[in-house]
Amino acid sequence: MTQTGGLVILYAWLIFAGLLTILAYLLLRNEQDPLHDLTHPGPDDQDEAKS
């Protein structure tokens, strides 16, 4: 049986945690409050006001 040092397991966990951090950042960086869209008119709302 092969013996693995504690550093190998530590490095594997660090890489895993780093990948999870990057994934969480990419998924959550564009999160916006849904109520924000209700209070600010979009381009469609401005077109209706002009006609």
Protein backbone atom coordinates (compact mmCIF):
# COMPACT_ATOMS: atom_id res chain seq x y z
CA MET A 1 0.00 0.00 0.00
CA THR A 2 1.26 3.46 -0.79
CA GLN A 3 1.72 5.93 2.00
CA THR A 4 0.60 9.49 1.34
CA GLY A 5 2.00 12.34 3.34
CA GLY A 6 -0.23 14.82 5.09
CA LEU A 7 0.99 17.60 2.81
CA VAL A 8 -0.42 15.86 -0.27
CA ILE A 9 -3.87 15.72 1.31
CA LEU A 10 -3.54 19.33 2.47
CA TYR A 11 -2.61 20.48 -1.04
CA ALA A 12 -5.56 18.58 -2.49
CA TRP A 13 -7.96 20.28 -0.06
CA LEU A 14 -6.43 23.69 -0.80
CA ILE A 15 -6.87 23.20 -4.54
CA PHE A 16 -10.46 22.02 -4.00
CA ALA A 17 -11.24 25.03 -1.79
CA GLY A 18 -9.67 27.37 -4.35
CA LEU A 19 -11.80 25.94 -7.15
CA LEU A 20 -14.94 26.25 -5.04
CA THR A 21 -14.07 29.86 -4.24
CA ILE A 22 -13.60 30.70 -7.93
CA LEU A 23 -16.85 28.97 -8.85
CA ALA A 24 -18.79 30.78 -6.12
CA TYR A 25 -17.34 34.11 -7.23
CA LEU A 26 -18.30 33.53 -10.85
CA LEU A 27 -21.84 32.47 -9.94
CA LEU A 28 -22.57 35.15 -7.36
CA ARG A 29 -20.84 38.24 -8.74
CA ASN A 30 -23.82 39.27 -10.91
CA GLU A 31 -26.51 38.64 -8.32
CA GLN A 32 -28.83 41.63 -8.04
CA ASP A 33 -31.82 42.41 -5.93
CA PRO A 34 -34.97 41.50 -7.90
CA LEU A 35 -36.78 44.49 -6.41
CA HIS A 36 -34.16 46.75 -7.98
CA ASP A 37 -35.61 45.99 -11.42
CA LEU A 38 -39.09 47.05 -10.30
CA THR A 39 -38.02 50.49 -9.13
CA HIS A 40 -35.87 51.43 -12.13
CA PRO A 41 -37.56 51.66 -15.53
CA GLY A 42 -35.92 49.78 -18.37
CA PRO A 43 -35.68 50.70 -22.06
CA ASP A 44 -39.11 49.18 -22.76
CA ASP A 45 -40.76 51.38 -20.14
CA GLN A 46 -39.24 54.52 -21.68
CA ASP A 47 -40.57 53.65 -25.15
CA GLU A 48 -44.13 53.39 -23.83
CA ALA A 49 -43.87 56.78 -22.16
CA LYS A 50 -42.85 58.48 -25.44
CA SER A 51 -45.81 57.19 -27.47
